[in-house]
Amino acid sequence: MPKTGTTSLNQALNALGIRTLHWLSEKRTLDQLEKGDLRLDALRNHDGVTDIIGMLWYKELDRIFPGSKFILTVRQKEDWLESASHFWPKNEAKKKERALYYYRTSVFGCLDFRRDHFWDVYEDHRHNVRRYFVDRPQDLLEIDICSGQGWEKLCPFLNIETPDIPFPHLNHYRKKSEPGDQQDANSLNHFIQIDSTQI
């Protein structure tokens, strides 16, 4: 899901040696998704995926890749809504790009930012994910990257030694009304599917 910390998380996972892909927009992937084929060619040489694919199809990916680990990123309501509102393009031509159109309508059912509706989608998703993994807490990590959580939660979950590098924080959004205030424009509810056999 956009503005959920997935860009930072994708870089962090790759830094740990877990080869993940982010924002798949090439024609072959979209063709496969539109046909309901989640054995994506793009994932053949990778361990997992971040961003909308994991968020939309976590149940299917869980069946295709049993034993996988999933990560749910969360973010404070007002921070996420403000970041999302600035992220949504107003340009009509941009809205018609195939990947953008497909993913946004699949997630939100619309192309334009609608505050209350977006938050309903966020809350529904978070609730559904928690319910799905209620009997498998060892397979789900919930993390708030925007509040500063990082290696200390991610590495134990993956059973990987913590690297001696800072946790990546990408795509920062700076409020125009508060020029000195910088915050991470990532992290809501989002899944990363990792084939645990590769970890």
N, C-alpha and C. Protein backbone atom coordinates (compact mmCIF):
# COMPACT_ATOMS: atom_id res chain seq x y z
N MET A 1 0.86 -1.18 0.00
CA MET A 1 0.00 0.00 0.00
C MET A 1 0.90 1.24 0.00
N PRO A 2 0.54 2.23 -0.76
CA PRO A 2 1.40 3.41 -0.86
C PRO A 2 1.62 4.09 0.49
N LYS A 3 2.79 4.67 0.63
CA LYS A 3 3.16 5.46 1.81
C LYS A 3 3.15 4.62 3.07
N THR A 4 3.69 3.42 2.97
CA THR A 4 3.63 2.49 4.09
C THR A 4 4.99 2.05 4.61
N GLY A 5 6.04 2.62 4.16
CA GLY A 5 7.37 2.19 4.59
C GLY A 5 7.94 1.09 3.73
N THR A 6 7.25 0.76 2.65
CA THR A 6 7.70 -0.37 1.84
C THR A 6 9.00 -0.09 1.10
N THR A 7 9.24 1.14 0.71
CA THR A 7 10.50 1.46 0.04
C THR A 7 11.68 1.29 1.00
N SER A 8 11.53 1.80 2.22
CA SER A 8 12.57 1.63 3.24
C SER A 8 12.74 0.16 3.59
N LEU A 9 11.63 -0.54 3.75
CA LEU A 9 11.69 -1.95 4.10
C LEU A 9 12.31 -2.78 2.99
N ASN A 10 12.00 -2.44 1.76
CA ASN A 10 12.58 -3.15 0.63
C ASN A 10 14.11 -3.01 0.64
N GLN A 11 14.58 -1.80 0.87
CA GLN A 11 16.03 -1.59 0.91
C GLN A 11 16.65 -2.32 2.09
N ALA A 12 15.97 -2.30 3.24
CA ALA A 12 16.49 -2.99 4.42
C ALA A 12 16.60 -4.49 4.17
N LEU A 13 15.58 -5.08 3.58
CA LEU A 13 15.61 -6.52 3.30
C LEU A 13 16.74 -6.87 2.34
N ASN A 14 16.90 -6.07 1.31
CA ASN A 14 17.98 -6.32 0.36
C ASN A 14 19.35 -6.17 1.04
N ALA A 15 19.46 -5.23 1.97
CA ALA A 15 20.72 -5.06 2.71
C ALA A 15 21.03 -6.30 3.56
N LEU A 16 19.98 -7.02 3.95
CA LEU A 16 20.14 -8.24 4.74
C LEU A 16 20.39 -9.46 3.86
N GLY A 17 20.39 -9.25 2.54
CA GLY A 17 20.61 -10.37 1.63
C GLY A 17 19.33 -11.06 1.20
N ILE A 18 18.19 -10.49 1.54
CA ILE A 18 16.90 -11.04 1.11
C ILE A 18 16.47 -10.26 -0.12
N ARG A 19 16.51 -10.92 -1.25
CA ARG A 19 16.28 -10.25 -2.53
C ARG A 19 14.79 -10.02 -2.74
N THR A 20 14.37 -8.76 -2.56
CA THR A 20 12.96 -8.42 -2.72
C THR A 20 12.77 -7.40 -3.83
N LEU A 21 11.60 -7.45 -4.43
CA LEU A 21 11.21 -6.51 -5.48
C LEU A 21 10.16 -5.55 -4.93
N HIS A 22 10.13 -4.35 -5.51
CA HIS A 22 9.21 -3.31 -5.06
C HIS A 22 8.54 -2.67 -6.28
N TRP A 23 7.25 -2.46 -6.19
CA TRP A 23 6.47 -1.78 -7.25
C TRP A 23 6.71 -2.41 -8.62
N LEU A 24 6.11 -3.56 -8.83
CA LEU A 24 6.23 -4.26 -10.11
C LEU A 24 5.25 -3.65 -11.10
N SER A 25 5.76 -3.06 -12.16
CA SER A 25 4.89 -2.36 -13.11
C SER A 25 5.12 -2.77 -14.56
N GLU A 26 5.97 -3.78 -14.79
CA GLU A 26 6.22 -4.17 -16.18
C GLU A 26 5.02 -4.95 -16.73
N LYS A 27 4.89 -4.94 -18.05
CA LYS A 27 3.73 -5.51 -18.73
C LYS A 27 3.49 -6.96 -18.36
N ARG A 28 4.52 -7.80 -18.34
CA ARG A 28 4.33 -9.23 -18.06
C ARG A 28 3.71 -9.45 -16.68
N THR A 29 4.17 -8.72 -15.67
CA THR A 29 3.61 -8.87 -14.33
C THR A 29 2.15 -8.46 -14.31
N LEU A 30 1.82 -7.33 -14.92
CA LEU A 30 0.44 -6.88 -14.94
C LEU A 30 -0.45 -7.85 -15.70
N ASP A 31 0.06 -8.41 -16.80
CA ASP A 31 -0.70 -9.43 -17.55
C ASP A 31 -1.00 -10.63 -16.65
N GLN A 32 0.01 -11.08 -15.91
CA GLN A 32 -0.19 -12.24 -15.03
C GLN A 32 -1.19 -11.92 -13.92
N LEU A 33 -1.06 -10.76 -13.31
CA LEU A 33 -1.96 -10.39 -12.23
C LEU A 33 -3.40 -10.29 -12.71
N GLU A 34 -3.59 -9.72 -13.88
CA GLU A 34 -4.94 -9.56 -14.41
C GLU A 34 -5.58 -10.90 -14.75
N LYS A 35 -4.76 -11.93 -14.95
CA LYS A 35 -5.26 -13.28 -15.21
C LYS A 35 -5.35 -14.10 -13.92
N GLY A 36 -4.96 -13.50 -12.80
CA GLY A 36 -5.01 -14.20 -11.52
C GLY A 36 -3.85 -15.16 -11.30
N ASP A 37 -2.78 -14.99 -12.06
CA ASP A 37 -1.61 -15.85 -11.95
C ASP A 37 -0.58 -15.20 -11.02
N LEU A 38 -0.48 -15.70 -9.79
CA LEU A 38 0.44 -15.10 -8.82
C LEU A 38 1.80 -15.79 -8.77
N ARG A 39 2.03 -16.76 -9.63
CA ARG A 39 3.38 -17.33 -9.73
C ARG A 39 4.17 -16.45 -10.71
N LEU A 40 4.45 -15.26 -10.25
CA LEU A 40 4.99 -14.21 -11.11
C LEU A 40 6.39 -14.53 -11.60
N ASP A 41 6.58 -14.36 -12.90
CA ASP A 41 7.90 -14.56 -13.49
C ASP A 41 8.94 -13.66 -12.83
N ALA A 42 8.52 -12.44 -12.47
CA ALA A 42 9.45 -11.47 -11.88
C ALA A 42 10.03 -11.95 -10.56
N LEU A 43 9.35 -12.87 -9.88
CA LEU A 43 9.81 -13.34 -8.58
C LEU A 43 10.70 -14.57 -8.64
N ARG A 44 10.93 -15.09 -9.83
CA ARG A 44 11.68 -16.34 -9.95
C ARG A 44 13.06 -16.29 -9.30
N ASN A 45 13.72 -15.16 -9.40
CA ASN A 45 15.07 -15.03 -8.84
C ASN A 45 15.10 -14.15 -7.61
N HIS A 46 13.96 -14.06 -6.92
CA HIS A 46 13.86 -13.22 -5.73
C HIS A 46 13.23 -13.99 -4.58
N ASP A 47 13.40 -13.44 -3.39
CA ASP A 47 12.91 -14.09 -2.18
C ASP A 47 11.58 -13.53 -1.72
N GLY A 48 11.21 -12.37 -2.21
CA GLY A 48 9.98 -11.76 -1.73
C GLY A 48 9.61 -10.51 -2.48
N VAL A 49 8.54 -9.88 -2.01
CA VAL A 49 8.02 -8.69 -2.67
C VAL A 49 7.51 -7.72 -1.62
N THR A 50 7.70 -6.45 -1.86
CA THR A 50 7.12 -5.42 -1.01
C THR A 50 6.14 -4.61 -1.85
N ASP A 51 5.31 -3.86 -1.19
CA ASP A 51 4.35 -2.95 -1.80
C ASP A 51 3.03 -3.65 -2.07
N ILE A 52 2.30 -3.20 -3.05
CA ILE A 52 0.89 -3.56 -3.22
C ILE A 52 0.66 -5.03 -3.50
N ILE A 53 1.54 -5.69 -4.20
CA ILE A 53 1.30 -7.11 -4.51
C ILE A 53 1.19 -7.93 -3.23
N GLY A 54 2.09 -7.72 -2.30
CA GLY A 54 2.01 -8.43 -1.03
C GLY A 54 0.79 -8.04 -0.22
N MET A 55 0.42 -6.79 -0.29
CA MET A 55 -0.73 -6.30 0.47
C MET A 55 -2.03 -6.88 -0.06
N LEU A 56 -2.18 -6.92 -1.36
CA LEU A 56 -3.44 -7.40 -1.96
C LEU A 56 -3.59 -8.92 -1.90
N TRP A 57 -2.49 -9.63 -2.10
CA TRP A 57 -2.60 -11.08 -2.29
C TRP A 57 -1.82 -11.88 -1.25
N TYR A 58 -1.77 -11.40 -0.01
CA TYR A 58 -0.99 -12.11 1.01
C TYR A 58 -1.53 -13.52 1.27
N LYS A 59 -2.84 -13.71 1.22
CA LYS A 59 -3.39 -15.05 1.46
C LYS A 59 -3.00 -16.02 0.35
N GLU A 60 -3.09 -15.55 -0.88
CA GLU A 60 -2.72 -16.41 -2.01
C GLU A 60 -1.23 -16.72 -2.00
N LEU A 61 -0.41 -15.71 -1.69
CA LEU A 61 1.04 -15.92 -1.62
C LEU A 61 1.39 -16.87 -0.49
N ASP A 62 0.65 -16.80 0.59
CA ASP A 62 0.87 -17.71 1.71
C ASP A 62 0.61 -19.17 1.30
N ARG A 63 -0.38 -19.38 0.45
CA ARG A 63 -0.67 -20.74 -0.02
C ARG A 63 0.37 -21.20 -1.04
N ILE A 64 0.80 -20.29 -1.91
CA ILE A 64 1.77 -20.65 -2.95
C ILE A 64 3.15 -20.90 -2.34
N PHE A 65 3.52 -20.11 -1.33
CA PHE A 65 4.83 -20.21 -0.69
C PHE A 65 4.66 -20.54 0.79
N PRO A 66 4.29 -21.77 1.12
CA PRO A 66 4.09 -22.11 2.53
C PRO A 66 5.36 -21.94 3.35
N GLY A 67 5.18 -21.50 4.59
CA GLY A 67 6.33 -21.27 5.46
C GLY A 67 6.91 -19.88 5.32
N SER A 68 6.27 -19.02 4.53
CA SER A 68 6.78 -17.67 4.33
C SER A 68 6.54 -16.79 5.55
N LYS A 69 7.25 -15.68 5.60
CA LYS A 69 7.09 -14.68 6.64
C LYS A 69 6.42 -13.45 6.02
N PHE A 70 5.61 -12.77 6.84
CA PHE A 70 4.89 -11.59 6.37
C PHE A 70 5.12 -10.43 7.32
N ILE A 71 5.17 -9.23 6.76
CA ILE A 71 5.41 -8.03 7.57
C ILE A 71 4.28 -7.04 7.32
N LEU A 72 3.65 -6.62 8.39
CA LEU A 72 2.59 -5.61 8.34
C LEU A 72 3.15 -4.31 8.87
N THR A 73 3.29 -3.32 7.99
CA THR A 73 3.78 -2.02 8.46
C THR A 73 2.58 -1.16 8.83
N VAL A 74 2.70 -0.45 9.91
CA VAL A 74 1.62 0.40 10.41
C VAL A 74 2.13 1.81 10.58
N ARG A 75 1.20 2.73 10.64
CA ARG A 75 1.56 4.15 10.78
C ARG A 75 0.42 4.88 11.47
N GLN A 76 0.75 5.95 12.19
CA GLN A 76 -0.27 6.76 12.83
C GLN A 76 -1.23 7.33 11.79
N LYS A 77 -2.49 7.39 12.14
CA LYS A 77 -3.55 7.77 11.20
C LYS A 77 -3.28 9.09 10.49
N GLU A 78 -3.09 10.17 11.23
CA GLU A 78 -2.96 11.49 10.61
C GLU A 78 -1.70 11.59 9.75
N ASP A 79 -0.61 10.98 10.20
CA ASP A 79 0.62 10.99 9.40
C ASP A 79 0.40 10.30 8.06
N TRP A 80 -0.25 9.13 8.10
CA TRP A 80 -0.46 8.40 6.85
C TRP A 80 -1.40 9.14 5.92
N LEU A 81 -2.50 9.65 6.46
CA LEU A 81 -3.47 10.35 5.61
C LEU A 81 -2.85 11.59 4.96
N GLU A 82 -2.06 12.33 5.71
CA GLU A 82 -1.43 13.53 5.14
C GLU A 82 -0.44 13.14 4.05
N SER A 83 0.38 12.12 4.32
CA SER A 83 1.35 11.68 3.33
C SER A 83 0.65 11.16 2.06
N ALA A 84 -0.39 10.36 2.26
CA ALA A 84 -1.12 9.80 1.12
C ALA A 84 -1.77 10.90 0.29
N SER A 85 -2.31 11.92 0.96
CA SER A 85 -2.99 13.00 0.23
C SER A 85 -2.01 13.76 -0.67
N HIS A 86 -0.76 13.89 -0.24
CA HIS A 86 0.24 14.58 -1.06
C HIS A 86 0.81 13.69 -2.15
N PHE A 87 0.71 12.40 -1.94
CA PHE A 87 1.27 11.44 -2.90
C PHE A 87 0.37 11.23 -4.11
N TRP A 88 -0.95 11.34 -3.92
CA TRP A 88 -1.87 11.04 -5.01
C TRP A 88 -1.77 12.10 -6.10
N PRO A 89 -1.50 11.69 -7.35
CA PRO A 89 -1.35 12.68 -8.43
C PRO A 89 -2.70 13.26 -8.83
N LYS A 90 -2.66 14.52 -9.17
CA LYS A 90 -3.87 15.18 -9.68
C LYS A 90 -3.90 15.15 -11.20
N ASN A 91 -2.74 14.83 -11.80
CA ASN A 91 -2.61 14.81 -13.25
C ASN A 91 -3.43 13.67 -13.85
N GLU A 92 -4.35 13.99 -14.74
CA GLU A 92 -5.24 12.97 -15.31
C GLU A 92 -4.48 11.95 -16.15
N ALA A 93 -3.45 12.40 -16.88
CA ALA A 93 -2.68 11.45 -17.70
C ALA A 93 -1.95 10.46 -16.81
N LYS A 94 -1.41 10.92 -15.70
CA LYS A 94 -0.69 10.05 -14.77
C LYS A 94 -1.63 8.98 -14.21
N LYS A 95 -2.86 9.36 -13.93
CA LYS A 95 -3.83 8.41 -13.38
C LYS A 95 -4.12 7.26 -14.32
N LYS A 96 -3.91 7.48 -15.62
CA LYS A 96 -4.25 6.46 -16.61
C LYS A 96 -3.11 5.49 -16.90
N GLU A 97 -1.95 5.70 -16.28
CA GLU A 97 -0.86 4.74 -16.48
C GLU A 97 -1.33 3.38 -15.98
N ARG A 98 -1.03 2.34 -16.74
CA ARG A 98 -1.61 1.03 -16.47
C ARG A 98 -1.37 0.52 -15.05
N ALA A 99 -0.13 0.53 -14.60
CA ALA A 99 0.18 -0.01 -13.26
C ALA A 99 -0.52 0.81 -12.18
N LEU A 100 -0.42 2.12 -12.28
CA LEU A 100 -1.04 2.99 -11.28
C LEU A 100 -2.55 2.77 -11.24
N TYR A 101 -3.16 2.73 -12.40
CA TYR A 101 -4.61 2.53 -12.47
C TYR A 101 -5.00 1.18 -11.87
N TYR A 102 -4.29 0.14 -12.25
CA TYR A 102 -4.62 -1.21 -11.79
C TYR A 102 -4.48 -1.34 -10.28
N TYR A 103 -3.34 -0.92 -9.74
CA TYR A 103 -3.11 -1.07 -8.31
C TYR A 103 -4.03 -0.20 -7.47
N ARG A 104 -4.20 1.05 -7.87
CA ARG A 104 -5.03 1.95 -7.05
C ARG A 104 -6.49 1.54 -7.06
N THR A 105 -7.00 1.14 -8.20
CA THR A 105 -8.39 0.70 -8.23
C THR A 105 -8.55 -0.64 -7.51
N SER A 106 -7.52 -1.48 -7.56
CA SER A 106 -7.58 -2.76 -6.83
C SER A 106 -7.58 -2.55 -5.32
N VAL A 107 -6.80 -1.60 -4.85
CA VAL A 107 -6.71 -1.35 -3.41
C VAL A 107 -7.87 -0.50 -2.92
N PHE A 108 -8.09 0.64 -3.56
CA PHE A 108 -9.03 1.62 -3.03
C PHE A 108 -10.35 1.71 -3.80
N GLY A 109 -10.39 1.13 -4.98
CA GLY A 109 -11.62 1.22 -5.78
C GLY A 109 -11.81 2.58 -6.42
N CYS A 110 -10.78 3.42 -6.41
CA CYS A 110 -10.87 4.76 -6.99
C CYS A 110 -9.47 5.26 -7.29
N LEU A 111 -9.40 6.37 -8.03
CA LEU A 111 -8.12 6.96 -8.37
C LEU A 111 -7.82 8.22 -7.57
N ASP A 112 -8.86 8.88 -7.10
CA ASP A 112 -8.68 10.13 -6.36
C ASP A 112 -8.65 9.88 -4.86
N PHE A 113 -7.88 10.70 -4.16
CA PHE A 113 -7.76 10.57 -2.72
C PHE A 113 -9.07 10.97 -2.05
N ARG A 114 -9.58 10.07 -1.20
CA ARG A 114 -10.79 10.33 -0.41
C ARG A 114 -10.48 9.91 1.02
N ARG A 115 -10.30 10.89 1.85
CA ARG A 115 -9.77 10.69 3.20
C ARG A 115 -10.48 9.60 4.00
N ASP A 116 -11.77 9.72 4.20
CA ASP A 116 -12.49 8.76 5.03
C ASP A 116 -12.49 7.37 4.42
N HIS A 117 -12.66 7.30 3.12
CA HIS A 117 -12.66 6.01 2.43
C HIS A 117 -11.28 5.34 2.55
N PHE A 118 -10.23 6.11 2.34
CA PHE A 118 -8.89 5.54 2.43
C PHE A 118 -8.62 4.98 3.83
N TRP A 119 -9.05 5.72 4.85
CA TRP A 119 -8.81 5.22 6.20
C TRP A 119 -9.62 3.96 6.48
N ASP A 120 -10.82 3.88 5.93
CA ASP A 120 -11.61 2.65 6.07
C ASP A 120 -10.88 1.46 5.45
N VAL A 121 -10.29 1.68 4.27
CA VAL A 121 -9.54 0.61 3.60
C VAL A 121 -8.35 0.19 4.47
N TYR A 122 -7.65 1.17 5.00
CA TYR A 122 -6.51 0.91 5.88
C TYR A 122 -6.93 0.06 7.09
N GLU A 123 -7.97 0.48 7.78
CA GLU A 123 -8.42 -0.21 8.98
C GLU A 123 -8.92 -1.62 8.66
N ASP A 124 -9.67 -1.76 7.58
CA ASP A 124 -10.16 -3.09 7.18
C ASP A 124 -9.00 -4.03 6.90
N HIS A 125 -8.01 -3.51 6.20
CA HIS A 125 -6.86 -4.34 5.85
C HIS A 125 -6.12 -4.79 7.11
N ARG A 126 -5.84 -3.86 8.00
CA ARG A 126 -5.12 -4.19 9.22
C ARG A 126 -5.88 -5.24 10.04
N HIS A 127 -7.18 -5.06 10.16
CA HIS A 127 -8.01 -6.02 10.90
C HIS A 127 -7.97 -7.40 10.24
N ASN A 128 -8.11 -7.44 8.93
CA ASN A 128 -8.12 -8.72 8.22
C ASN A 128 -6.80 -9.46 8.34
N VAL A 129 -5.72 -8.72 8.27
CA VAL A 129 -4.40 -9.34 8.38
C VAL A 129 -4.19 -9.94 9.77
N ARG A 130 -4.49 -9.17 10.78
CA ARG A 130 -4.33 -9.66 12.14
C ARG A 130 -5.19 -10.90 12.39
N ARG A 131 -6.39 -10.87 11.86
CA ARG A 131 -7.29 -12.03 12.03
C ARG A 131 -6.75 -13.25 11.29
N TYR A 132 -6.22 -13.04 10.10
CA TYR A 132 -5.69 -14.16 9.30
C TYR A 132 -4.53 -14.86 10.02
N PHE A 133 -3.68 -14.09 10.68
CA PHE A 133 -2.49 -14.65 11.33
C PHE A 133 -2.67 -14.89 12.83
N VAL A 134 -3.89 -14.81 13.33
CA VAL A 134 -4.11 -14.90 14.77
C VAL A 134 -3.56 -16.18 15.38
N ASP A 135 -3.59 -17.28 14.65
CA ASP A 135 -3.06 -18.55 15.15
C ASP A 135 -1.63 -18.82 14.71
N ARG A 136 -1.01 -17.86 14.03
CA ARG A 136 0.37 -18.02 13.55
C ARG A 136 1.18 -16.76 13.82
N PRO A 137 1.26 -16.34 15.07
CA PRO A 137 1.96 -15.08 15.36
C PRO A 137 3.44 -15.10 14.96
N GLN A 138 4.03 -16.27 14.86
CA GLN A 138 5.44 -16.38 14.49
C GLN A 138 5.68 -16.03 13.02
N ASP A 139 4.62 -15.97 12.21
CA ASP A 139 4.76 -15.69 10.78
C ASP A 139 4.46 -14.24 10.41
N LEU A 140 4.07 -13.43 11.39
CA LEU A 140 3.70 -12.04 11.11
C LEU A 140 4.45 -11.10 12.03
N LEU A 141 5.09 -10.10 11.43
CA LEU A 141 5.71 -9.01 12.18
C LEU A 141 4.94 -7.74 11.90
N GLU A 142 4.60 -7.02 12.95
CA GLU A 142 3.98 -5.70 12.81
C GLU A 142 5.03 -4.67 13.22
N ILE A 143 5.27 -3.71 12.35
CA ILE A 143 6.35 -2.75 12.59
C ILE A 143 5.93 -1.35 12.15
N ASP A 144 6.33 -0.35 12.91
CA ASP A 144 6.06 1.05 12.58
C ASP A 144 7.39 1.73 12.26
N ILE A 145 7.76 1.69 11.01
CA ILE A 145 9.02 2.26 10.56
C ILE A 145 9.05 3.77 10.77
N CYS A 146 7.91 4.42 10.58
CA CYS A 146 7.86 5.88 10.70
C CYS A 146 8.12 6.36 12.11
N SER A 147 7.82 5.53 13.09
CA SER A 147 8.07 5.94 14.48
C SER A 147 9.50 5.62 14.90
N GLY A 148 10.28 5.02 14.00
CA GLY A 148 11.68 4.75 14.30
C GLY A 148 12.02 3.29 14.49
N GLN A 149 11.04 2.41 14.43
CA GLN A 149 11.34 0.98 14.56
C GLN A 149 12.10 0.51 13.32
N GLY A 150 13.00 -0.46 13.52
CA GLY A 150 13.80 -0.94 12.40
C GLY A 150 14.44 -2.27 12.68
N TRP A 151 15.78 -2.28 12.66
CA TRP A 151 16.52 -3.54 12.80
C TRP A 151 16.15 -4.31 14.06
N GLU A 152 15.90 -3.59 15.16
CA GLU A 152 15.66 -4.27 16.44
C GLU A 152 14.41 -5.15 16.41
N LYS A 153 13.49 -4.86 15.49
CA LYS A 153 12.31 -5.72 15.34
C LYS A 153 12.45 -6.66 14.14
N LEU A 154 13.01 -6.14 13.06
CA LEU A 154 13.08 -6.91 11.82
C LEU A 154 14.03 -8.10 11.93
N CYS A 155 15.23 -7.86 12.43
CA CYS A 155 16.25 -8.93 12.43
C CYS A 155 15.89 -10.12 13.31
N PRO A 156 15.40 -9.94 14.53
CA PRO A 156 14.99 -11.11 15.31
C PRO A 156 13.86 -11.89 14.64
N PHE A 157 12.93 -11.19 14.02
CA PHE A 157 11.83 -11.85 13.33
C PHE A 157 12.34 -12.76 12.22
N LEU A 158 13.36 -12.30 11.51
CA LEU A 158 13.93 -13.06 10.40
C LEU A 158 15.07 -13.99 10.83
N ASN A 159 15.41 -13.90 12.13
CA ASN A 159 16.52 -14.71 12.66
C ASN A 159 17.83 -14.40 11.91
N ILE A 160 18.06 -13.11 11.73
CA ILE A 160 19.26 -12.62 11.03
C ILE A 160 19.99 -11.66 11.95
N GLU A 161 21.31 -11.71 11.94
CA GLU A 161 22.12 -10.80 12.76
C GLU A 161 21.91 -9.36 12.31
N THR A 162 21.84 -8.46 13.27
CA THR A 162 21.64 -7.03 12.98
C THR A 162 22.89 -6.46 12.30
N PRO A 163 22.73 -5.81 11.15
CA PRO A 163 23.90 -5.24 10.47
C PRO A 163 24.38 -3.98 11.16
N ASP A 164 25.62 -3.62 10.90
CA ASP A 164 26.23 -2.44 11.49
C ASP A 164 26.06 -1.24 10.56
N ILE A 165 24.86 -1.02 10.11
CA ILE A 165 24.52 0.12 9.25
C ILE A 165 23.18 0.68 9.72
N PRO A 166 22.93 1.96 9.48
CA PRO A 166 21.64 2.52 9.88
C PRO A 166 20.49 1.90 9.08
N PHE A 167 19.35 1.80 9.73
CA PHE A 167 18.16 1.33 9.02
C PHE A 167 17.77 2.39 7.99
N PRO A 168 17.47 1.99 6.76
CA PRO A 168 17.14 2.99 5.73
C PRO A 168 15.79 3.66 5.98
N HIS A 169 15.74 4.95 5.76
CA HIS A 169 14.49 5.71 5.83
C HIS A 169 14.41 6.54 4.55
N LEU A 170 13.60 6.08 3.61
CA LEU A 170 13.52 6.70 2.29
C LEU A 170 12.17 7.39 2.10
N ASN A 171 12.12 8.22 1.07
CA ASN A 171 10.87 8.91 0.69
C ASN A 171 10.31 9.76 1.82
N HIS A 172 11.16 10.54 2.44
CA HIS A 172 10.69 11.42 3.51
C HIS A 172 9.76 12.47 2.93
N TYR A 173 8.73 12.77 3.67
CA TYR A 173 7.79 13.83 3.29
C TYR A 173 7.93 14.97 4.27
N ARG A 174 8.17 16.17 3.76
CA ARG A 174 8.30 17.35 4.62
C ARG A 174 7.04 18.20 4.48
N LYS A 175 6.38 18.44 5.60
CA LYS A 175 5.18 19.28 5.59
C LYS A 175 5.56 20.70 5.18
N LYS A 176 4.81 21.25 4.25
CA LYS A 176 5.10 22.63 3.84
C LYS A 176 4.81 23.60 4.97
N SER A 177 3.82 23.27 5.80
CA SER A 177 3.45 24.18 6.88
C SER A 177 4.46 24.16 8.02
N GLU A 178 5.30 23.11 8.06
CA GLU A 178 6.29 23.00 9.12
C GLU A 178 7.63 22.65 8.49
N PRO A 179 8.32 23.66 7.92
CA PRO A 179 9.53 23.39 7.16
C PRO A 179 10.64 22.70 7.93
N GLY A 180 10.63 22.77 9.24
CA GLY A 180 11.68 22.09 10.00
C GLY A 180 11.32 20.68 10.40
N ASP A 181 10.10 20.25 10.10
CA ASP A 181 9.62 18.94 10.53
C ASP A 181 9.76 17.95 9.39
N GLN A 182 10.58 16.95 9.59
CA GLN A 182 10.76 15.93 8.56
C GLN A 182 10.25 14.60 9.10
N GLN A 183 9.48 13.90 8.27
CA GLN A 183 8.97 12.61 8.70
C GLN A 183 9.03 11.63 7.57
N ASP A 184 9.06 10.38 7.90
CA ASP A 184 9.06 9.31 6.91
C ASP A 184 7.68 9.20 6.31
N ALA A 185 7.60 9.22 4.99
CA ALA A 185 6.32 9.16 4.32
C ALA A 185 5.98 7.73 3.95
N ASN A 186 6.29 6.80 4.80
CA ASN A 186 6.03 5.39 4.51
C ASN A 186 5.20 4.76 5.60
N SER A 187 4.75 3.62 5.52
CA SER A 187 4.29 2.74 6.58
C SER A 187 2.84 2.82 6.95
N LEU A 188 2.10 1.96 6.48
CA LEU A 188 0.71 1.71 6.86
C LEU A 188 0.62 0.22 7.00
N ASN A 189 -0.37 -0.35 6.43
CA ASN A 189 -0.52 -1.79 6.48
C ASN A 189 0.00 -2.37 5.19
N HIS A 190 1.00 -3.07 5.30
CA HIS A 190 1.51 -3.66 4.08
C HIS A 190 2.28 -4.92 4.37
N PHE A 191 2.24 -5.82 3.47
CA PHE A 191 2.90 -7.09 3.66
C PHE A 191 4.05 -7.24 2.74
N ILE A 192 5.01 -7.95 3.26
CA ILE A 192 6.11 -8.40 2.46
C ILE A 192 6.10 -9.88 2.56
N GLN A 193 6.03 -10.51 1.43
CA GLN A 193 6.05 -11.97 1.42
C GLN A 193 7.47 -12.39 1.15
N ILE A 194 8.01 -13.22 2.03
CA ILE A 194 9.37 -13.69 1.88
C ILE A 194 9.34 -15.21 1.86
N ASP A 195 9.90 -15.80 0.86
CA ASP A 195 9.98 -17.26 0.81
C ASP A 195 10.99 -17.69 1.85
N SER A 196 10.49 -18.27 2.93
CA SER A 196 11.37 -18.56 4.06
C SER A 196 12.44 -19.60 3.74
N THR A 197 12.23 -20.34 2.66
CA THR A 197 13.26 -21.31 2.30
C THR A 197 14.52 -20.61 1.80
N GLN A 198 14.38 -19.33 1.46
CA GLN A 198 15.52 -18.57 0.94
C GLN A 198 16.23 -17.80 2.04
N ILE A 199 15.67 -17.78 3.24
CA ILE A 199 16.26 -16.97 4.31
C ILE A 199 17.35 -17.77 5.02
